[in-house]
Amino acid sequence: HSLVCQCVSPVGFVQCQHQKEINCPDQCASLTFFVKQDDLNVTTVVKTCGAPELCSNNSANMGGVTASRNAYCCNTTLCNSKTLPVLTQQRANGRMCYTCAGSDCSQTMDCVGEEYYCISQT
C-alpha cells in the first residue's frame, strides 16, 4: 500500500520538484536541519518519505562547524505537516574529544546530548 505525505524540499532537491504531496511506502518524515559556522546559521526544512536512518535526532560538532537534525516520522496520511524547530542545544554529556585549530590538535571540546563518538579527519 502507499502512504501520502507532504513534500517540501530546498531548491535543487529533486524529490519534490513541483509537487506538494508524495507517495511513500510506509513512513512520512518532517526534518529540520541546522548548520552553524562562525556567524553563519543555515536552517533547512525537508518533508518527504521517512527512512529509518532519518527518523532520529542527531548532532555533530566539528570544532568550527556544528550541525543538527530534528526529526519526526509517522505513518498516517499527511502526518508530517508540522515544521519542527531547530534542535535545542543539548547539555554536555561528560565525554570530550580533541579538536584542531590549524595544526594544533591539543585542545579538547565537550560532547553534548547523544554525541558519543570522536572522529578523525585528515
PDB file of N, CA and C in Angstrom:
ATOM      1  N   HIS A   1       0.839  -1.192   0.000  1.00  0.00           N
ATOM      2  CA  HIS A   1       0.000   0.000   0.000  1.00  0.00           C
ATOM      3  C   HIS A   1       0.872   1.240   0.000  1.00  0.00           C
ATOM      4  N   SER A   2       0.271   2.363  -0.307  1.00  0.00           N
ATOM      5  CA  SER A   2       1.036   3.604  -0.415  1.00  0.00           C
ATOM      6  C   SER A   2       0.503   4.629   0.573  1.00  0.00           C
ATOM      7  N   LEU A   3       1.391   5.441   1.083  1.00  0.00           N
ATOM      8  CA  LEU A   3       1.055   6.464   2.068  1.00  0.00           C
ATOM      9  C   LEU A   3       1.313   7.829   1.452  1.00  0.00           C
ATOM     10  N   VAL A   4       0.367   8.771   1.618  1.00  0.00           N
ATOM     11  CA  VAL A   4       0.536  10.119   1.072  1.00  0.00           C
ATOM     12  C   VAL A   4       1.162  11.004   2.147  1.00  0.00           C
ATOM     13  N   CYS A   5       2.270  11.663   1.794  1.00  0.00           N
ATOM     14  CA  CYS A   5       2.996  12.537   2.720  1.00  0.00           C
ATOM     15  C   CYS A   5       3.183  13.910   2.088  1.00  0.00           C
ATOM     16  N   GLN A   6       3.348  14.934   2.942  1.00  0.00           N
ATOM     17  CA  GLN A   6       3.716  16.249   2.426  1.00  0.00           C
ATOM     18  C   GLN A   6       5.112  16.179   1.842  1.00  0.00           C
ATOM     19  N   CYS A   7       5.353  17.018   0.830  1.00  0.00           N
ATOM     20  CA  CYS A   7       6.675  17.061   0.215  1.00  0.00           C
ATOM     21  C   CYS A   7       7.137  18.512   0.161  1.00  0.00           C
ATOM     22  N   VAL A   8       8.191  18.815   0.888  1.00  0.00           N
ATOM     23  CA  VAL A   8       8.806  20.142   0.913  1.00  0.00           C
ATOM     24  C   VAL A   8      10.303  19.917   0.833  1.00  0.00           C
ATOM     25  N   SER A   9      10.967  20.622  -0.059  1.00  0.00           N
ATOM     26  CA  SER A   9      12.412  20.435  -0.171  1.00  0.00           C
ATOM     27  C   SER A   9      13.071  21.717  -0.640  1.00  0.00           C
ATOM     28  N   PRO A  10      14.356  21.869  -0.310  1.00  0.00           N
ATOM     29  CA  PRO A  10      15.087  23.052  -0.775  1.00  0.00           C
ATOM     30  C   PRO A  10      15.294  23.000  -2.285  1.00  0.00           C
ATOM     31  N   VAL A  11      15.587  24.130  -2.852  1.00  0.00           N
ATOM     32  CA  VAL A  11      15.868  24.220  -4.286  1.00  0.00           C
ATOM     33  C   VAL A  11      17.003  23.260  -4.628  1.00  0.00           C
ATOM     34  N   GLY A  12      16.858  22.535  -5.711  1.00  0.00           N
ATOM     35  CA  GLY A  12      17.891  21.598  -6.126  1.00  0.00           C
ATOM     36  C   GLY A  12      17.692  20.190  -5.604  1.00  0.00           C
ATOM     37  N   PHE A  13      16.792  20.015  -4.661  1.00  0.00           N
ATOM     38  CA  PHE A  13      16.469  18.693  -4.116  1.00  0.00           C
ATOM     39  C   PHE A  13      15.386  18.117  -5.010  1.00  0.00           C
ATOM     40  N   VAL A  14      15.702  17.125  -5.815  1.00  0.00           N
ATOM     41  CA  VAL A  14      14.831  16.713  -6.918  1.00  0.00           C
ATOM     42  C   VAL A  14      13.574  15.960  -6.496  1.00  0.00           C
ATOM     43  N   GLN A  15      13.516  15.453  -5.281  1.00  0.00           N
ATOM     44  CA  GLN A  15      12.417  14.568  -4.922  1.00  0.00           C
ATOM     45  C   GLN A  15      11.042  15.225  -5.055  1.00  0.00           C
ATOM     46  N   CYS A  16      10.873  16.473  -4.622  1.00  0.00           N
ATOM     47  CA  CYS A  16       9.557  17.103  -4.647  1.00  0.00           C
ATOM     48  C   CYS A  16       9.276  17.826  -5.956  1.00  0.00           C
ATOM     49  N   GLN A  17      10.259  18.474  -6.525  1.00  0.00           N
ATOM     50  CA  GLN A  17      10.097  19.283  -7.724  1.00  0.00           C
ATOM     51  C   GLN A  17       8.905  20.217  -7.531  1.00  0.00           C
ATOM     52  N   HIS A  18       7.799  20.043  -8.264  1.00  0.00           N
ATOM     53  CA  HIS A  18       6.675  20.977  -8.144  1.00  0.00           C
ATOM     54  C   HIS A  18       5.483  20.385  -7.404  1.00  0.00           C
ATOM     55  N   GLN A  19       5.636  19.211  -6.838  1.00  0.00           N
ATOM     56  CA  GLN A  19       4.504  18.594  -6.142  1.00  0.00           C
ATOM     57  C   GLN A  19       4.552  18.879  -4.650  1.00  0.00           C
ATOM     58  N   LYS A  20       3.380  19.013  -4.036  1.00  0.00           N
ATOM     59  CA  LYS A  20       3.284  19.283  -2.603  1.00  0.00           C
ATOM     60  C   LYS A  20       3.033  18.011  -1.795  1.00  0.00           C
ATOM     61  N   GLU A  21       2.715  16.927  -2.490  1.00  0.00           N
ATOM     62  CA  GLU A  21       2.482  15.647  -1.835  1.00  0.00           C
ATOM     63  C   GLU A  21       3.257  14.569  -2.585  1.00  0.00           C
ATOM     64  N   ILE A  22       3.585  13.499  -1.861  1.00  0.00           N
ATOM     65  CA  ILE A  22       4.373  12.416  -2.449  1.00  0.00           C
ATOM     66  C   ILE A  22       3.850  11.090  -1.910  1.00  0.00           C
ATOM     67  N   ASN A  23       3.879  10.058  -2.729  1.00  0.00           N
ATOM     68  CA  ASN A  23       3.500   8.714  -2.279  1.00  0.00           C
ATOM     69  C   ASN A  23       4.726   8.028  -1.686  1.00  0.00           C
ATOM     70  N   CYS A  24       4.564   7.504  -0.476  1.00  0.00           N
ATOM     71  CA  CYS A  24       5.678   6.868   0.235  1.00  0.00           C
ATOM     72  C   CYS A  24       5.296   5.436   0.594  1.00  0.00           C
ATOM     73  N   PRO A  25       6.287   4.550   0.707  1.00  0.00           N
ATOM     74  CA  PRO A  25       5.983   3.148   1.001  1.00  0.00           C
ATOM     75  C   PRO A  25       5.421   2.909   2.399  1.00  0.00           C
ATOM     76  N   ASP A  26       5.977   3.573   3.438  1.00  0.00           N
ATOM     77  CA  ASP A  26       5.491   3.250   4.782  1.00  0.00           C
ATOM     78  C   ASP A  26       5.583   4.365   5.819  1.00  0.00           C
ATOM     79  N   GLN A  27       6.409   5.384   5.614  1.00  0.00           N
ATOM     80  CA  GLN A  27       6.537   6.449   6.610  1.00  0.00           C
ATOM     81  C   GLN A  27       6.676   7.810   5.953  1.00  0.00           C
ATOM     82  N   CYS A  28       6.203   8.839   6.682  1.00  0.00           N
ATOM     83  CA  CYS A  28       6.439  10.236   6.314  1.00  0.00           C
ATOM     84  C   CYS A  28       7.475  10.790   7.286  1.00  0.00           C
ATOM     85  N   ALA A  29       8.186  11.833   6.865  1.00  0.00           N
ATOM     86  CA  ALA A  29       9.183  12.460   7.735  1.00  0.00           C
ATOM     87  C   ALA A  29       9.107  13.972   7.610  1.00  0.00           C
ATOM     88  N   SER A  30       9.271  14.645   8.750  1.00  0.00           N
ATOM     89  CA  SER A  30       9.472  16.088   8.794  1.00  0.00           C
ATOM     90  C   SER A  30      10.830  16.295   9.455  1.00  0.00           C
ATOM     91  N   LEU A  31      11.735  16.974   8.768  1.00  0.00           N
ATOM     92  CA  LEU A  31      13.120  17.122   9.223  1.00  0.00           C
ATOM     93  C   LEU A  31      13.516  18.588   9.195  1.00  0.00           C
ATOM     94  N   THR A  32      14.182  19.040  10.243  1.00  0.00           N
ATOM     95  CA  THR A  32      14.755  20.380  10.264  1.00  0.00           C
ATOM     96  C   THR A  32      16.251  20.241  10.508  1.00  0.00           C
ATOM     97  N   PHE A  33      17.028  20.631   9.508  1.00  0.00           N
ATOM     98  CA  PHE A  33      18.491  20.597   9.590  1.00  0.00           C
ATOM     99  C   PHE A  33      18.992  21.985   9.956  1.00  0.00           C
ATOM    100  N   PHE A  34      20.040  22.047  10.773  1.00  0.00           N
ATOM    101  CA  PHE A  34      20.631  23.326  11.166  1.00  0.00           C
ATOM    102  C   PHE A  34      22.146  23.191  11.116  1.00  0.00           C
ATOM    103  N   VAL A  35      22.795  24.133  10.447  1.00  0.00           N
ATOM    104  CA  VAL A  35      24.259  24.164  10.375  1.00  0.00           C
ATOM    105  C   VAL A  35      24.719  25.541  10.806  1.00  0.00           C
ATOM    106  N   LYS A  36      25.703  25.573  11.702  1.00  0.00           N
ATOM    107  CA  LYS A  36      26.263  26.845  12.181  1.00  0.00           C
ATOM    108  C   LYS A  36      27.763  26.828  11.962  1.00  0.00           C
ATOM    109  N   GLN A  37      28.261  27.858  11.307  1.00  0.00           N
ATOM    110  CA  GLN A  37      29.698  28.044  11.143  1.00  0.00           C
ATOM    111  C   GLN A  37      29.984  29.508  11.380  1.00  0.00           C
ATOM    112  N   ASP A  38      30.721  29.796  12.438  1.00  0.00           N
ATOM    113  CA  ASP A  38      31.008  31.173  12.844  1.00  0.00           C
ATOM    114  C   ASP A  38      29.690  31.933  12.972  1.00  0.00           C
ATOM    115  N   ASP A  39      29.500  33.017  12.216  1.00  0.00           N
ATOM    116  CA  ASP A  39      28.271  33.806  12.305  1.00  0.00           C
ATOM    117  C   ASP A  39      27.212  33.373  11.296  1.00  0.00           C
ATOM    118  N   LEU A  40      27.469  32.320  10.540  1.00  0.00           N
ATOM    119  CA  LEU A  40      26.535  31.859   9.520  1.00  0.00           C
ATOM    120  C   LEU A  40      25.663  30.732  10.073  1.00  0.00           C
ATOM    121  N   ASN A  41      24.350  30.953  10.076  1.00  0.00           N
ATOM    122  CA  ASN A  41      23.387  29.947  10.516  1.00  0.00           C
ATOM    123  C   ASN A  41      22.491  29.588   9.340  1.00  0.00           C
ATOM    124  N   VAL A  42      22.376  28.309   9.016  1.00  0.00           N
ATOM    125  CA  VAL A  42      21.532  27.872   7.907  1.00  0.00           C
ATOM    126  C   VAL A  42      20.550  26.822   8.424  1.00  0.00           C
ATOM    127  N   THR A  43      19.256  27.095   8.232  1.00  0.00           N
ATOM    128  CA  THR A  43      18.201  26.157   8.603  1.00  0.00           C
ATOM    129  C   THR A  43      17.526  25.661   7.331  1.00  0.00           C
ATOM    130  N   THR A  44      17.350  24.353   7.213  1.00  0.00           N
ATOM    131  CA  THR A  44      16.706  23.757   6.041  1.00  0.00           C
ATOM    132  C   THR A  44      15.610  22.808   6.510  1.00  0.00           C
ATOM    133  N   VAL A  45      14.415  22.971   5.948  1.00  0.00           N
ATOM    134  CA  VAL A  45      13.281  22.102   6.268  1.00  0.00           C
ATOM    135  C   VAL A  45      13.041  21.158   5.095  1.00  0.00           C
ATOM    136  N   VAL A  46      12.894  19.875   5.395  1.00  0.00           N
ATOM    137  CA  VAL A  46      12.597  18.862   4.383  1.00  0.00           C
ATOM    138  C   VAL A  46      11.436  18.015   4.899  1.00  0.00           C
ATOM    139  N   LYS A  47      10.434  17.823   4.046  1.00  0.00           N
ATOM    140  CA  LYS A  47       9.321  16.914   4.355  1.00  0.00           C
ATOM    141  C   LYS A  47       9.240  15.929   3.203  1.00  0.00           C
ATOM    142  N   THR A  48       9.319  14.642   3.527  1.00  0.00           N
ATOM    143  CA  THR A  48       9.433  13.625   2.481  1.00  0.00           C
ATOM    144  C   THR A  48       9.081  12.258   3.065  1.00  0.00           C
ATOM    145  N   CYS A  49       9.454  11.203   2.372  1.00  0.00           N
ATOM    146  CA  CYS A  49       9.284   9.846   2.888  1.00  0.00           C
ATOM    147  C   CYS A  49      10.298   9.612   4.009  1.00  0.00           C
ATOM    148  N   GLY A  50       9.898   8.850   5.007  1.00  0.00           N
ATOM    149  CA  GLY A  50      10.780   8.594   6.133  1.00  0.00           C
ATOM    150  C   GLY A  50      11.507   7.277   5.992  1.00  0.00           C
ATOM    151  N   ALA A  51      12.811   7.321   6.059  1.00  0.00           N
ATOM    152  CA  ALA A  51      13.635   6.114   6.100  1.00  0.00           C
ATOM    153  C   ALA A  51      14.140   5.958   7.533  1.00  0.00           C
ATOM    154  N   PRO A  52      14.340   4.726   8.003  1.00  0.00           N
ATOM    155  CA  PRO A  52      14.764   4.524   9.395  1.00  0.00           C
ATOM    156  C   PRO A  52      15.976   5.358   9.803  1.00  0.00           C
ATOM    157  N   GLU A  53      16.947   5.511   8.903  1.00  0.00           N
ATOM    158  CA  GLU A  53      18.149   6.270   9.262  1.00  0.00           C
ATOM    159  C   GLU A  53      17.893   7.770   9.381  1.00  0.00           C
ATOM    160  N   LEU A  54      16.743   8.254   8.922  1.00  0.00           N
ATOM    161  CA  LEU A  54      16.405   9.680   9.033  1.00  0.00           C
ATOM    162  C   LEU A  54      15.543   9.983  10.245  1.00  0.00           C
ATOM    163  N   CYS A  55      14.997   8.962  10.892  1.00  0.00           N
ATOM    164  CA  CYS A  55      13.941   9.163  11.881  1.00  0.00           C
ATOM    165  C   CYS A  55      14.430   9.362  13.305  1.00  0.00           C
ATOM    166  N   SER A  56      15.638   9.817  13.487  1.00  0.00           N
ATOM    167  CA  SER A  56      16.138  10.115  14.831  1.00  0.00           C
ATOM    168  C   SER A  56      16.844  11.464  14.813  1.00  0.00           C
ATOM    169  N   ASN A  57      16.819  12.112  15.964  1.00  0.00           N
ATOM    170  CA  ASN A  57      17.538  13.379  16.108  1.00  0.00           C
ATOM    171  C   ASN A  57      19.025  13.079  16.211  1.00  0.00           C
ATOM    172  N   ASN A  58      19.842  13.982  15.688  1.00  0.00           N
ATOM    173  CA  ASN A  58      21.279  13.816  15.891  1.00  0.00           C
ATOM    174  C   ASN A  58      21.981  15.148  15.757  1.00  0.00           C
ATOM    175  N   SER A  59      23.212  15.163  16.212  1.00  0.00           N
ATOM    176  CA  SER A  59      24.025  16.373  16.112  1.00  0.00           C
ATOM    177  C   SER A  59      25.484  15.983  15.984  1.00  0.00           C
ATOM    178  N   ALA A  60      26.258  16.908  15.443  1.00  0.00           N
ATOM    179  CA  ALA A  60      27.701  16.706  15.312  1.00  0.00           C
ATOM    180  C   ALA A  60      28.382  18.051  15.495  1.00  0.00           C
ATOM    181  N   ASN A  61      29.542  18.036  16.121  1.00  0.00           N
ATOM    182  CA  ASN A  61      30.316  19.249  16.332  1.00  0.00           C
ATOM    183  C   ASN A  61      31.712  18.988  15.791  1.00  0.00           C
ATOM    184  N   MET A  62      32.087  19.744  14.778  1.00  0.00           N
ATOM    185  CA  MET A  62      33.395  19.557  14.149  1.00  0.00           C
ATOM    186  C   MET A  62      34.302  20.742  14.442  1.00  0.00           C
ATOM    187  N   GLY A  63      34.228  21.230  15.667  1.00  0.00           N
ATOM    188  CA  GLY A  63      35.040  22.381  16.037  1.00  0.00           C
ATOM    189  C   GLY A  63      34.377  23.662  15.594  1.00  0.00           C
ATOM    190  N   GLY A  64      34.729  24.172  14.427  1.00  0.00           N
ATOM    191  CA  GLY A  64      34.157  25.423  13.936  1.00  0.00           C
ATOM    192  C   GLY A  64      32.793  25.285  13.303  1.00  0.00           C
ATOM    193  N   VAL A  65      32.336  24.058  13.087  1.00  0.00           N
ATOM    194  CA  VAL A  65      31.044  23.824  12.442  1.00  0.00           C
ATOM    195  C   VAL A  65      30.218  22.872  13.300  1.00  0.00           C
ATOM    196  N   THR A  66      28.968  23.250  13.566  1.00  0.00           N
ATOM    197  CA  THR A  66      28.050  22.342  14.247  1.00  0.00           C
ATOM    198  C   THR A  66      26.861  22.080  13.332  1.00  0.00           C
ATOM    199  N   ALA A  67      26.315  20.889  13.430  1.00  0.00           N
ATOM    200  CA  ALA A  67      25.166  20.518  12.604  1.00  0.00           C
ATOM    201  C   ALA A  67      24.218  19.672  13.439  1.00  0.00           C
ATOM    202  N   SER A  68      22.909  19.826  13.179  1.00  0.00           N
ATOM    203  CA  SER A  68      21.930  19.017  13.897  1.00  0.00           C
ATOM    204  C   SER A  68      20.748  18.693  12.994  1.00  0.00           C
ATOM    205  N   ARG A  69      20.037  17.631  13.365  1.00  0.00           N
ATOM    206  CA  ARG A  69      18.815  17.243  12.665  1.00  0.00           C
ATOM    207  C   ARG A  69      17.747  16.948  13.704  1.00  0.00           C
ATOM    208  N   ASN A  70      16.608  17.653  13.612  1.00  0.00           N
ATOM    209  CA  ASN A  70      15.434  17.371  14.423  1.00  0.00           C
ATOM    210  C   ASN A  70      14.483  16.599  13.518  1.00  0.00           C
ATOM    211  N   ALA A  71      14.080  15.409  13.916  1.00  0.00           N
ATOM    212  CA  ALA A  71      13.329  14.522  13.031  1.00  0.00           C
ATOM    213  C   ALA A  71      12.046  14.027  13.680  1.00  0.00           C
ATOM    214  N   TYR A  72      11.011  13.901  12.843  1.00  0.00           N
ATOM    215  CA  TYR A  72       9.740  13.311  13.264  1.00  0.00           C
ATOM    216  C   TYR A  72       9.253  12.423  12.132  1.00  0.00           C
ATOM    217  N   CYS A  73       9.004  11.147  12.418  1.00  0.00           N
ATOM    218  CA  CYS A  73       8.474  10.234  11.414  1.00  0.00           C
ATOM    219  C   CYS A  73       7.145   9.672  11.904  1.00  0.00           C
ATOM    220  N   CYS A  74       6.254   9.379  10.947  1.00  0.00           N
ATOM    221  CA  CYS A  74       4.899   8.963  11.283  1.00  0.00           C
ATOM    222  C   CYS A  74       4.343   8.131  10.132  1.00  0.00           C
ATOM    223  N   ASN A  75       3.173   7.515  10.334  1.00  0.00           N
ATOM    224  CA  ASN A  75       2.668   6.609   9.304  1.00  0.00           C
ATOM    225  C   ASN A  75       1.177   6.763   9.017  1.00  0.00           C
ATOM    226  N   THR A  76       0.661   8.001   9.073  1.00  0.00           N
ATOM    227  CA  THR A  76      -0.712   8.273   8.662  1.00  0.00           C
ATOM    228  C   THR A  76      -0.701   9.351   7.582  1.00  0.00           C
ATOM    229  N   THR A  77      -1.776   9.453   6.833  1.00  0.00           N
ATOM    230  CA  THR A  77      -1.859  10.373   5.697  1.00  0.00           C
ATOM    231  C   THR A  77      -1.539  11.811   6.102  1.00  0.00           C
ATOM    232  N   LEU A  78      -0.586  12.421   5.411  1.00  0.00           N
ATOM    233  CA  LEU A  78      -0.173  13.824   5.597  1.00  0.00           C
ATOM    234  C   LEU A  78       0.195  14.150   7.044  1.00  0.00           C
ATOM    235  N   CYS A  79       0.714  13.174   7.768  1.00  0.00           N
ATOM    236  CA  CYS A  79       1.037  13.370   9.191  1.00  0.00           C
ATOM    237  C   CYS A  79       2.293  14.204   9.412  1.00  0.00           C
ATOM    238  N   ASN A  80       3.052  14.498   8.355  1.00  0.00           N
ATOM    239  CA  ASN A  80       4.303  15.254   8.506  1.00  0.00           C
ATOM    240  C   ASN A  80       4.119  16.732   8.181  1.00  0.00           C
ATOM    241  N   SER A  81       2.935  17.265   8.456  1.00  0.00           N
ATOM    242  CA  SER A  81       2.656  18.670   8.116  1.00  0.00           C
ATOM    243  C   SER A  81       3.344  19.653   9.059  1.00  0.00           C
ATOM    244  N   LYS A  82       3.632  19.235  10.279  1.00  0.00           N
ATOM    245  CA  LYS A  82       4.248  20.128  11.265  1.00  0.00           C
ATOM    246  C   LYS A  82       5.712  20.392  10.909  1.00  0.00           C
ATOM    247  N   THR A  83       6.117  21.667  10.974  1.00  0.00           N
ATOM    248  CA  THR A  83       7.528  22.027  10.793  1.00  0.00           C
ATOM    249  C   THR A  83       8.188  22.056  12.162  1.00  0.00           C
ATOM    250  N   LEU A  84       9.232  21.292  12.324  1.00  0.00           N
ATOM    251  CA  LEU A  84       9.917  21.182  13.613  1.00  0.00           C
ATOM    252  C   LEU A  84      10.860  22.349  13.838  1.00  0.00           C
ATOM    253  N   PRO A  85      11.049  22.750  15.100  1.00  0.00           N
ATOM    254  CA  PRO A  85      12.049  23.781  15.389  1.00  0.00           C
ATOM    255  C   PRO A  85      13.454  23.206  15.269  1.00  0.00           C
ATOM    256  N   VAL A  86      14.426  24.078  15.249  1.00  0.00           N
ATOM    257  CA  VAL A  86      15.829  23.653  15.298  1.00  0.00           C
ATOM    258  C   VAL A  86      16.031  22.903  16.610  1.00  0.00           C
ATOM    259  N   LEU A  87      16.786  21.823  16.570  1.00  0.00           N
ATOM    260  CA  LEU A  87      17.084  21.040  17.765  1.00  0.00           C
ATOM    261  C   LEU A  87      17.753  21.945  18.791  1.00  0.00           C
ATOM    262  N   THR A  88      17.240  21.959  20.006  1.00  0.00           N
ATOM    263  CA  THR A  88      17.798  22.840  21.028  1.00  0.00           C
ATOM    264  C   THR A  88      19.189  22.373  21.436  1.00  0.00           C
ATOM    265  N   GLN A  89      19.993  23.319  21.878  1.00  0.00           N
ATOM    266  CA  GLN A  89      21.348  22.997  22.332  1.00  0.00           C
ATOM    267  C   GLN A  89      21.271  22.017  23.492  1.00  0.00           C
ATOM    268  N   GLN A  90      21.999  20.947  23.398  1.00  0.00           N
ATOM    269  CA  GLN A  90      21.989  19.897  24.409  1.00  0.00           C
ATOM    270  C   GLN A  90      23.048  20.177  25.478  1.00  0.00           C
ATOM    271  N   ARG A  91      22.898  19.531  26.612  1.00  0.00           N
ATOM    272  CA  ARG A  91      23.874  19.669  27.699  1.00  0.00           C
ATOM    273  C   ARG A  91      25.091  18.791  27.449  1.00  0.00           C
ATOM    274  N   ALA A  92      26.219  19.215  28.000  1.00  0.00           N
ATOM    275  CA  ALA A  92      27.439  18.403  27.929  1.00  0.00           C
ATOM    276  C   ALA A  92      27.158  17.050  28.581  1.00  0.00           C
ATOM    277  N   ASN A  93      27.664  15.973  27.979  1.00  0.00           N
ATOM    278  CA  ASN A  93      27.380  14.623  28.486  1.00  0.00           C
ATOM    279  C   ASN A  93      28.567  13.985  29.209  1.00  0.00           C
ATOM    280  N   GLY A  94      29.639  14.751  29.426  1.00  0.00           N
ATOM    281  CA  GLY A  94      30.794  14.229  30.151  1.00  0.00           C
ATOM    282  C   GLY A  94      31.895  13.683  29.261  1.00  0.00           C
ATOM    283  N   ARG A  95      31.608  13.443  28.006  1.00  0.00           N
ATOM    284  CA  ARG A  95      32.639  12.983  27.071  1.00  0.00           C
ATOM    285  C   ARG A  95      33.320  14.180  26.440  1.00  0.00           C
ATOM    286  N   MET A  96      34.569  13.980  26.030  1.00  0.00           N
ATOM    287  CA  MET A  96      35.332  15.045  25.383  1.00  0.00           C
ATOM    288  C   MET A  96      36.078  14.470  24.192  1.00  0.00           C
ATOM    289  N   CYS A  97      36.320  15.327  23.198  1.00  0.00           N
ATOM    290  CA  CYS A  97      37.100  14.936  22.030  1.00  0.00           C
ATOM    291  C   CYS A  97      38.150  16.003  21.770  1.00  0.00           C
ATOM    292  N   TYR A  98      39.233  15.600  21.128  1.00  0.00           N
ATOM    293  CA  TYR A  98      40.229  16.582  20.706  1.00  0.00           C
ATOM    294  C   TYR A  98      39.709  17.341  19.497  1.00  0.00           C
ATOM    295  N   THR A  99      40.111  18.601  19.390  1.00  0.00           N
ATOM    296  CA  THR A  99      39.750  19.428  18.245  1.00  0.00           C
ATOM    297  C   THR A  99      40.994  20.177  17.783  1.00  0.00           C
ATOM    298  N   CYS A 100      41.007  20.574  16.542  1.00  0.00           N
ATOM    299  CA  CYS A 100      42.186  21.224  15.968  1.00  0.00           C
ATOM    300  C   CYS A 100      41.922  22.685  15.651  1.00  0.00           C
ATOM    301  N   ALA A 101      42.923  23.518  15.912  1.00  0.00           N
ATOM    302  CA  ALA A 101      42.959  24.900  15.433  1.00  0.00           C
ATOM    303  C   ALA A 101      44.202  24.974  14.556  1.00  0.00           C
ATOM    304  N   GLY A 102      44.005  24.888  13.242  1.00  0.00           N
ATOM    305  CA  GLY A 102      45.155  24.782  12.344  1.00  0.00           C
ATOM    306  C   GLY A 102      45.813  23.434  12.541  1.00  0.00           C
ATOM    307  N   SER A 103      47.113  23.422  12.802  1.00  0.00           N
ATOM    308  CA  SER A 103      47.816  22.152  13.008  1.00  0.00           C
ATOM    309  C   SER A 103      47.907  21.769  14.484  1.00  0.00           C
ATOM    310  N   ASP A 104      47.405  22.624  15.377  1.00  0.00           N
ATOM    311  CA  ASP A 104      47.420  22.334  16.813  1.00  0.00           C
ATOM    312  C   ASP A 104      46.160  21.549  17.185  1.00  0.00           C
ATOM    313  N   CYS A 105      46.322  20.281  17.497  1.00  0.00           N
ATOM    314  CA  CYS A 105      45.182  19.420  17.826  1.00  0.00           C
ATOM    315  C   CYS A 105      45.202  19.007  19.296  1.00  0.00           C
ATOM    316  N   SER A 106      45.693  19.888  20.154  1.00  0.00           N
ATOM    317  CA  SER A 106      45.805  19.552  21.574  1.00  0.00           C
ATOM    318  C   SER A 106      44.619  20.056  22.394  1.00  0.00           C
ATOM    319  N   GLN A 107      43.741  20.842  21.799  1.00  0.00           N
ATOM    320  CA  GLN A 107      42.582  21.374  22.523  1.00  0.00           C
ATOM    321  C   GLN A 107      41.484  20.314  22.608  1.00  0.00           C
ATOM    322  N   THR A 108      40.660  20.400  23.643  1.00  0.00           N
ATOM    323  CA  THR A 108      39.525  19.488  23.768  1.00  0.00           C
ATOM    324  C   THR A 108      38.224  20.273  23.698  1.00  0.00           C
ATOM    325  N   MET A 109      37.162  19.563  23.362  1.00  0.00           N
ATOM    326  CA  MET A 109      35.835  20.157  23.344  1.00  0.00           C
ATOM    327  C   MET A 109      34.864  19.185  23.995  1.00  0.00           C
ATOM    328  N   ASP A 110      33.786  19.726  24.578  1.00  0.00           N
ATOM    329  CA  ASP A 110      32.764  18.900  25.214  1.00  0.00           C
ATOM    330  C   ASP A 110      31.848  18.280  24.171  1.00  0.00           C
ATOM    331  N   CYS A 111      31.469  17.040  24.391  1.00  0.00           N
ATOM    332  CA  CYS A 111      30.416  16.413  23.595  1.00  0.00           C
ATOM    333  C   CYS A 111      29.093  16.709  24.298  1.00  0.00           C
ATOM    334  N   VAL A 112      28.028  16.861  23.522  1.00  0.00           N
ATOM    335  CA  VAL A 112      26.731  17.211  24.093  1.00  0.00           C
ATOM    336  C   VAL A 112      25.669  16.208  23.656  1.00  0.00           C
ATOM    337  N   GLY A 113      24.590  16.142  24.430  1.00  0.00           N
ATOM    338  CA  GLY A 113      23.454  15.303  24.051  1.00  0.00           C
ATOM    339  C   GLY A 113      23.881  13.874  23.796  1.00  0.00           C
ATOM    340  N   GLU A 114      23.578  13.375  22.593  1.00  0.00           N
ATOM    341  CA  GLU A 114      23.904  11.996  22.226  1.00  0.00           C
ATOM    342  C   GLU A 114      25.151  11.904  21.356  1.00  0.00           C
ATOM    343  N   GLU A 115      26.046  12.872  21.472  1.00  0.00           N
ATOM    344  CA  GLU A 115      27.333  12.817  20.767  1.00  0.00           C
ATOM    345  C   GLU A 115      28.283  11.956  21.602  1.00  0.00           C
ATOM    346  N   TYR A 116      28.482  10.712  21.182  1.00  0.00           N
ATOM    347  CA  TYR A 116      29.266   9.766  21.970  1.00  0.00           C
ATOM    348  C   TYR A 116      30.567   9.351  21.312  1.00  0.00           C
ATOM    349  N   TYR A 117      30.820   9.796  20.097  1.00  0.00           N
ATOM    350  CA  TYR A 117      31.995   9.328  19.369  1.00  0.00           C
ATOM    351  C   TYR A 117      32.831  10.494  18.877  1.00  0.00           C
ATOM    352  N   CYS A 118      34.145  10.307  18.870  1.00  0.00           N
ATOM    353  CA  CYS A 118      35.070  11.273  18.286  1.00  0.00           C
ATOM    354  C   CYS A 118      35.410  10.791  16.877  1.00  0.00           C
ATOM    355  N   ILE A 119      35.595  11.729  15.972  1.00  0.00           N
ATOM    356  CA  ILE A 119      36.002  11.369  14.614  1.00  0.00           C
ATOM    357  C   ILE A 119      37.342  12.015  14.320  1.00  0.00           C
ATOM    358  N   SER A 120      38.076  11.409  13.420  1.00  0.00           N
ATOM    359  CA  SER A 120      39.362  11.948  12.990  1.00  0.00           C
ATOM    360  C   SER A 120      39.325  12.088  11.482  1.00  0.00           C
ATOM    361  N   GLN A 121      39.704  13.258  10.996  1.00  0.00           N
ATOM    362  CA  GLN A 121      39.690  13.507   9.558  1.00  0.00           C
ATOM    363  C   GLN A 121      41.004  14.146   9.160  1.00  0.00           C
ATOM    364  N   THR A 122      41.551  13.739   8.027  1.00  0.00           N
ATOM    365  CA  THR A 122      42.797  14.337   7.545  1.00  0.00           C
ATOM    366  C   THR A 122      42.593  14.944   6.182  1.00  0.00           C
TER     367      THR A 122
END
